[in-house]
Amino acid sequence: MKRFLGLITGIAGALACLTAVATAQTPAYPTKPVHIIVGYPAGGSTDIVARLIGNWLSAKMGQQFVVENRPGAGNNIGTEAVAKAAPDGYTMLLINPANTINASLYKKLNFNFLKDIDPIANVIEVPNVMEVNPDVPAKTVAEFIAYAKANPDKVNVASSGNGTSIHLSGELFKMMTGLKLQHVPYKGSAPMLTDLIGGQVQVTFDNLPSSIAHIKSGKLRALGVSTAKRAAELPDVPTISETVPGYEASAFFGFGFPKGTPKEITDRVNKEINAAMQDPATQAKLKDMGGILVPGSPDDFRKFLEAETAKWEKVVNAAKLSVE
């Protein structure tokens, strides 16, 4: 009996030592500020989501999650910075549709999005909204099509940059209607909307969150939403597909780490982001943006990103789009 008890005591001691070693090898996280890289200027939908979730993570994880805006090259500058960052959990990427589009749109990239970024969590999917400056003589999608056909190559369609969902939503619309619209890319939604409100450009397919206030104030006129169903925030605005059958597109916003970031860190941040989506106050703010919350695992987000990349590759190829 004594021998048996001694054996049990020895095993317990060994397990305690192993636990202590494992704990020592897995330091607390985070122990310093975490940087969230956003590939667009402040003020757009990507920035709104990054700051909202960043504030939640800062409050719950004991360190600041600081948003850094690094616009340029259609979101690629920010993505490359994260892809080449140390995989230690202290650099995050705000993932958006441009990441899945640019994989085929840009012929030369210094990174491979699906291989170099580890998904953490998706947060929200939102419709894009086809909207015009109020001076444009069109109050419906059908009226806009007629107006654009009467003015070929004279109507400017703005986007927040090459490769964004706003850009590709416009290209999909052009492809399905046969319209000749001049694409004008900007470095983010904020400067794009400034020029749209000012009348320098005529139409865009902006993410609903960054445009909804301008629509409700009358500074912009919404003609249609890009999703298959009408948006709860704009119930009186029809879907584009009600005029152009089969048209559908949406935006999404989530987070990722550099490839090779420890799984325990990814899982912990995923858990906190999913918790944010269950928090009534945060949930209300996200829903006010007109989107649908999409909690899930890192693997769920990975499968979604793979499907989106394949989808937009077909659109890019069909429209014969290319950016060097």
Protein backbone atom coordinates (compact mmCIF):
# COMPACT_ATOMS: atom_id res chain seq x y z
CA MET A 1 0.00 0.00 0.00
CA LYS A 2 2.80 2.39 0.90
CA ARG A 3 4.48 1.58 -2.38
CA PHE A 4 1.24 2.33 -4.26
CA LEU A 5 0.76 5.64 -2.45
CA GLY A 6 4.35 6.56 -3.16
CA LEU A 7 3.83 5.83 -6.85
CA ILE A 8 0.71 8.03 -6.96
CA THR A 9 2.54 10.84 -5.17
CA GLY A 10 5.40 10.58 -7.65
CA ILE A 11 3.07 10.75 -10.65
CA ALA A 12 1.25 13.75 -9.17
CA GLY A 13 4.56 15.51 -8.62
CA ALA A 14 5.66 14.83 -12.19
CA LEU A 15 2.39 16.17 -13.57
CA ALA A 16 2.76 19.30 -11.47
CA CYS A 17 6.23 19.85 -12.87
CA LEU A 18 5.01 19.36 -16.44
CA THR A 19 2.20 21.85 -15.86
CA ALA A 20 4.66 24.38 -14.46
CA VAL A 21 6.93 23.95 -17.47
CA ALA A 22 4.02 24.29 -19.90
CA THR A 23 2.86 27.44 -18.11
CA ALA A 24 6.35 28.90 -18.25
CA GLN A 25 6.56 28.17 -21.99
CA THR A 26 3.17 29.84 -22.66
CA PRO A 27 3.52 33.43 -21.43
CA ALA A 28 0.52 35.58 -20.60
CA TYR A 29 -1.08 37.34 -23.55
CA PRO A 30 -1.18 40.18 -24.21
CA THR A 31 1.58 41.86 -22.23
CA LYS A 32 1.86 44.94 -24.50
CA PRO A 33 -0.35 46.84 -26.97
CA VAL A 34 -1.68 44.96 -30.00
CA HIS A 35 -1.80 46.77 -33.34
CA ILE A 36 -4.81 46.31 -35.64
CA ILE A 37 -3.84 47.24 -39.20
CA VAL A 38 -6.59 48.71 -41.39
CA GLY A 39 -5.75 49.14 -45.07
CA TYR A 40 -7.94 52.24 -45.51
CA PRO A 41 -8.20 55.77 -44.04
CA ALA A 42 -10.24 56.44 -40.91
CA GLY A 43 -13.97 56.85 -41.35
CA GLY A 44 -14.89 53.90 -43.60
CA SER A 45 -16.63 50.65 -42.69
CA THR A 46 -13.36 48.78 -42.14
CA ASP A 47 -12.22 51.43 -39.68
CA ILE A 48 -15.58 51.47 -37.86
CA VAL A 49 -15.53 47.71 -37.24
CA ALA A 50 -11.84 47.70 -36.27
CA ARG A 51 -12.32 50.39 -33.64
CA LEU A 52 -15.52 48.90 -32.24
CA ILE A 53 -13.99 45.43 -31.75
CA GLY A 54 -10.64 46.94 -30.76
CA ASN A 55 -12.31 48.85 -27.92
CA TRP A 56 -13.96 45.65 -26.68
CA LEU A 57 -10.69 43.70 -26.77
CA SER A 58 -8.87 46.52 -24.97
CA ALA A 59 -11.43 46.45 -22.16
CA LYS A 60 -11.49 42.66 -21.84
CA MET A 61 -7.84 41.68 -22.40
CA GLY A 62 -5.98 44.22 -20.28
CA GLN A 63 -3.95 45.87 -23.06
CA GLN A 64 -4.73 48.44 -25.73
CA PHE A 65 -5.71 47.18 -29.19
CA VAL A 66 -4.60 50.15 -31.26
CA VAL A 67 -5.98 50.77 -34.76
CA GLU A 68 -3.41 51.84 -37.36
CA ASN A 69 -4.65 53.07 -40.74
CA ARG A 70 -2.26 52.16 -43.54
CA PRO A 71 -4.10 52.98 -46.79
CA GLY A 72 -2.84 52.39 -50.27
CA ALA A 73 -2.63 49.91 -53.15
CA GLY A 74 -6.19 48.73 -52.71
CA ASN A 75 -5.63 47.44 -49.16
CA ASN A 76 -2.41 45.58 -50.09
CA ILE A 77 0.00 47.82 -48.14
CA GLY A 78 -1.71 47.03 -44.85
CA THR A 79 -2.11 43.34 -45.67
CA GLU A 80 1.55 42.96 -46.62
CA ALA A 81 2.62 44.63 -43.37
CA VAL A 82 0.70 42.03 -41.38
CA ALA A 83 1.77 39.11 -43.59
CA LYS A 84 5.42 40.00 -42.90
CA ALA A 85 4.97 40.81 -39.21
CA ALA A 86 6.18 38.54 -36.40
CA PRO A 87 3.59 35.80 -35.68
CA ASP A 88 3.44 36.65 -32.00
CA GLY A 89 -0.14 37.91 -31.66
CA TYR A 90 0.75 41.60 -31.52
CA THR A 91 -0.19 42.49 -35.11
CA MET A 92 -3.71 41.90 -36.42
CA LEU A 93 -5.30 42.53 -39.81
CA LEU A 94 -8.80 43.86 -40.42
CA ILE A 95 -9.84 41.45 -43.18
CA ASN A 96 -12.34 42.67 -45.77
CA PRO A 97 -13.51 41.69 -49.27
CA ALA A 98 -10.48 43.32 -50.93
CA ASN A 99 -8.32 40.53 -49.51
CA THR A 100 -10.30 37.86 -51.35
CA ILE A 101 -10.58 39.96 -54.53
CA ASN A 102 -6.96 41.09 -54.79
CA ALA A 103 -5.74 37.50 -54.85
CA SER A 104 -6.77 37.36 -58.53
CA LEU A 105 -7.06 41.06 -59.41
CA TYR A 106 -3.39 41.87 -58.72
CA LYS A 107 -0.94 39.89 -60.79
CA LYS A 108 2.10 40.62 -58.61
CA LEU A 109 1.75 40.58 -54.83
CA ASN A 110 4.50 40.11 -52.26
CA PHE A 111 2.28 37.82 -50.21
CA ASN A 112 -0.33 35.09 -50.61
CA PHE A 113 -3.37 36.07 -48.58
CA LEU A 114 -4.80 32.60 -47.95
CA LYS A 115 -1.38 31.18 -47.08
CA ASP A 116 0.17 34.10 -45.17
CA ILE A 117 -2.76 35.15 -42.95
CA ASP A 118 -4.31 32.98 -40.24
CA PRO A 119 -8.04 33.78 -39.84
CA ILE A 120 -9.21 34.66 -36.34
CA ALA A 121 -12.91 35.44 -36.67
CA ASN A 122 -15.48 36.94 -38.98
CA VAL A 123 -17.64 39.64 -37.41
CA ILE A 124 -20.24 41.05 -39.75
CA GLU A 125 -21.54 40.82 -43.30
CA VAL A 126 -23.16 43.94 -44.75
CA PRO A 127 -24.84 44.91 -48.00
CA ASN A 128 -23.41 47.44 -50.38
CA VAL A 129 -25.78 50.17 -51.49
CA MET A 130 -26.01 51.67 -54.96
CA GLU A 131 -26.27 55.40 -54.34
CA VAL A 132 -26.09 58.58 -56.37
CA ASN A 133 -25.59 62.27 -55.89
CA PRO A 134 -29.09 63.84 -55.63
CA ASP A 135 -28.39 65.88 -58.78
CA VAL A 136 -28.35 62.68 -60.84
CA PRO A 137 -31.78 62.46 -62.54
CA ALA A 138 -32.49 58.89 -61.44
CA LYS A 139 -34.58 57.71 -58.51
CA THR A 140 -34.56 53.99 -59.31
CA VAL A 141 -32.08 51.45 -60.64
CA ALA A 142 -34.03 51.26 -63.89
CA GLU A 143 -33.93 55.05 -64.30
CA PHE A 144 -30.18 55.04 -63.66
CA ILE A 145 -29.62 52.38 -66.31
CA ALA A 146 -31.56 54.49 -68.82
CA TYR A 147 -29.62 57.61 -67.82
CA ALA A 148 -26.24 55.88 -68.11
CA LYS A 149 -27.14 54.37 -71.50
CA ALA A 150 -28.04 57.85 -72.74
CA ASN A 151 -24.67 59.13 -71.52
CA PRO A 152 -22.09 56.43 -72.35
CA ASP A 153 -18.63 56.99 -70.82
CA LYS A 154 -19.85 60.20 -69.15
CA VAL A 155 -20.99 58.73 -65.85
CA ASN A 156 -18.31 58.11 -63.20
CA VAL A 157 -18.63 55.16 -60.82
CA ALA A 158 -16.49 55.71 -57.72
CA SER A 159 -14.93 53.10 -55.46
CA SER A 160 -12.83 53.11 -52.30
CA GLY A 161 -9.96 51.56 -54.26
CA ASN A 162 -9.07 48.92 -56.81
CA GLY A 163 -10.07 45.49 -55.58
CA THR A 164 -12.58 46.55 -52.94
CA SER A 165 -16.06 45.05 -52.78
CA ILE A 166 -17.28 48.50 -53.80
CA HIS A 167 -15.18 48.31 -56.98
CA LEU A 168 -16.20 44.75 -57.85
CA SER A 169 -19.86 45.41 -57.06
CA GLY A 170 -19.71 48.17 -59.67
CA GLU A 171 -17.91 45.93 -62.16
CA LEU A 172 -20.51 43.21 -61.66
CA PHE A 173 -23.26 45.78 -62.29
CA LYS A 174 -21.53 46.98 -65.46
CA MET A 175 -21.06 43.43 -66.68
CA MET A 176 -24.70 42.46 -66.09
CA THR A 177 -26.20 45.64 -67.58
CA GLY A 178 -23.75 46.38 -70.38
CA LEU A 179 -23.27 49.95 -69.16
CA LYS A 180 -20.17 51.99 -69.97
CA LEU A 181 -19.19 53.68 -66.72
CA GLN A 182 -15.83 55.26 -65.92
CA HIS A 183 -14.25 53.79 -62.79
CA VAL A 184 -12.70 56.33 -60.39
CA PRO A 185 -10.81 54.68 -57.48
CA TYR A 186 -10.17 56.52 -54.21
CA LYS A 187 -8.04 55.72 -51.16
CA GLY A 188 -10.94 54.78 -48.93
CA SER A 189 -14.67 55.41 -48.52
CA ALA A 190 -14.34 58.76 -46.75
CA PRO A 191 -12.70 60.70 -49.65
CA MET A 192 -14.91 58.84 -52.14
CA LEU A 193 -18.06 59.95 -50.33
CA THR A 194 -16.80 63.52 -50.08
CA ASP A 195 -16.53 63.72 -53.87
CA LEU A 196 -19.83 61.89 -54.41
CA ILE A 197 -21.65 64.36 -52.15
CA GLY A 198 -19.83 67.19 -53.93
CA GLY A 199 -20.90 65.96 -57.36
CA GLN A 200 -17.44 65.16 -58.75
CA VAL A 201 -18.61 61.56 -59.31
CA GLN A 202 -22.13 60.31 -59.87
CA VAL A 203 -22.59 56.82 -58.42
CA THR A 204 -20.99 54.27 -56.11
CA PHE A 205 -21.75 50.90 -54.49
CA ASP A 206 -20.60 51.74 -50.98
CA ASN A 207 -20.71 49.57 -47.88
CA LEU A 208 -23.92 50.48 -46.07
CA PRO A 209 -22.32 51.36 -42.69
CA SER A 210 -20.26 54.26 -44.00
CA SER A 211 -23.08 55.69 -46.15
CA ILE A 212 -26.25 55.20 -44.15
CA ALA A 213 -26.01 58.53 -42.30
CA HIS A 214 -25.59 60.42 -45.60
CA ILE A 215 -28.55 58.55 -47.08
CA LYS A 216 -30.80 59.31 -44.13
CA SER A 217 -29.77 62.98 -44.17
CA GLY A 218 -30.59 63.30 -47.87
CA LYS A 219 -27.03 64.04 -48.98
CA LEU A 220 -27.10 60.85 -51.07
CA ARG A 221 -29.93 58.94 -52.74
CA ALA A 222 -30.06 55.15 -52.38
CA LEU A 223 -31.27 53.29 -55.46
CA GLY A 224 -30.78 49.68 -54.41
CA VAL A 225 -28.98 47.30 -52.05
CA SER A 226 -26.64 44.61 -53.34
CA THR A 227 -27.83 41.67 -51.25
CA ALA A 228 -30.55 39.19 -52.21
CA LYS A 229 -32.84 40.57 -49.49
CA ARG A 230 -33.64 44.15 -48.55
CA ALA A 231 -31.63 45.69 -45.72
CA ALA A 232 -33.38 46.13 -42.37
CA GLU A 233 -31.94 49.65 -42.06
CA LEU A 234 -33.33 50.67 -45.48
CA PRO A 235 -36.56 48.67 -45.78
CA ASP A 236 -38.00 50.90 -48.51
CA VAL A 237 -34.95 50.58 -50.76
CA PRO A 238 -35.33 47.68 -53.22
CA THR A 239 -32.61 45.17 -54.01
CA ILE A 240 -30.67 45.71 -57.22
CA SER A 241 -31.71 42.20 -58.24
CA GLU A 242 -35.33 43.35 -58.42
CA THR A 243 -34.24 45.22 -61.56
CA VAL A 244 -31.15 43.20 -62.55
CA PRO A 245 -32.08 39.54 -61.86
CA GLY A 246 -29.28 37.49 -60.31
CA TYR A 247 -27.24 40.45 -59.07
CA GLU A 248 -25.84 39.84 -55.57
CA ALA A 249 -22.80 41.02 -53.62
CA SER A 250 -21.94 41.82 -50.02
CA ALA A 251 -19.10 43.00 -47.84
CA PHE A 252 -17.69 41.38 -44.72
CA PHE A 253 -15.30 42.38 -41.95
CA GLY A 254 -13.22 40.09 -39.76
CA PHE A 255 -9.72 39.67 -38.31
CA GLY A 256 -6.55 37.71 -38.93
CA PHE A 257 -3.01 37.17 -37.60
CA PRO A 258 0.26 36.56 -39.45
CA LYS A 259 0.72 32.92 -40.46
CA GLY A 260 2.10 30.81 -37.62
CA THR A 261 0.65 32.77 -34.70
CA PRO A 262 0.22 30.34 -31.75
CA LYS A 263 -3.16 28.61 -31.83
CA GLU A 264 -3.85 29.37 -28.19
CA ILE A 265 -3.58 33.10 -28.92
CA THR A 266 -5.80 32.85 -31.99
CA ASP A 267 -8.40 30.85 -30.07
CA ARG A 268 -8.40 33.30 -27.17
CA VAL A 269 -8.92 36.34 -29.40
CA ASN A 270 -11.58 34.43 -31.35
CA LYS A 271 -13.39 33.72 -28.09
CA GLU A 272 -13.35 37.40 -27.10
CA ILE A 273 -14.54 38.59 -30.52
CA ASN A 274 -17.43 36.12 -30.39
CA ALA A 275 -18.21 37.37 -26.88
CA ALA A 276 -18.33 40.93 -28.22
CA MET A 277 -21.02 39.86 -30.69
CA GLN A 278 -23.09 38.54 -27.77
CA ASP A 279 -22.73 41.75 -25.75
CA PRO A 280 -26.02 43.70 -26.10
CA ALA A 281 -24.34 47.11 -26.48
CA THR A 282 -21.73 45.97 -29.03
CA GLN A 283 -24.30 43.82 -30.80
CA ALA A 284 -26.63 46.81 -31.16
CA LYS A 285 -23.86 48.97 -32.63
CA LEU A 286 -22.95 46.29 -35.16
CA LYS A 287 -26.58 45.75 -36.13
CA ASP A 288 -27.04 49.51 -36.50
CA MET A 289 -24.51 49.25 -39.31
CA GLY A 290 -27.10 47.29 -41.27
CA GLY A 291 -25.29 43.97 -41.22
CA ILE A 292 -25.67 40.39 -40.05
CA LEU A 293 -23.45 39.09 -37.24
CA VAL A 294 -21.49 35.95 -38.13
CA PRO A 295 -19.86 34.41 -35.05
CA GLY A 296 -17.80 31.27 -35.57
CA SER A 297 -14.46 29.53 -35.28
CA PRO A 298 -11.20 30.38 -37.05
CA ASP A 299 -11.81 27.36 -39.29
CA ASP A 300 -15.30 28.62 -40.17
CA PHE A 301 -13.78 31.93 -41.26
CA ARG A 302 -11.06 30.18 -43.27
CA LYS A 303 -13.63 28.18 -45.27
CA PHE A 304 -15.62 31.37 -45.91
CA LEU A 305 -12.52 33.21 -47.15
CA GLU A 306 -11.60 30.36 -49.48
CA ALA A 307 -15.12 30.38 -50.98
CA GLU A 308 -15.12 34.18 -51.42
CA THR A 309 -11.70 34.10 -53.09
CA ALA A 310 -12.95 31.54 -55.61
CA LYS A 311 -16.15 33.52 -56.23
CA TRP A 312 -14.44 36.83 -56.98
CA GLU A 313 -11.80 35.17 -59.13
CA LYS A 314 -14.62 34.23 -61.52
CA VAL A 315 -15.85 37.86 -61.63
CA VAL A 316 -12.35 39.24 -62.15
CA ASN A 317 -11.71 36.84 -65.00
CA ALA A 318 -15.11 37.41 -66.62
CA ALA A 319 -14.64 41.20 -66.53
CA LYS A 320 -11.01 40.83 -67.66
CA LEU A 321 -9.77 42.95 -64.78
CA SER A 322 -6.09 43.24 -63.91
CA VAL A 323 -3.92 45.49 -61.78
CA GLU A 324 -0.14 45.27 -62.02
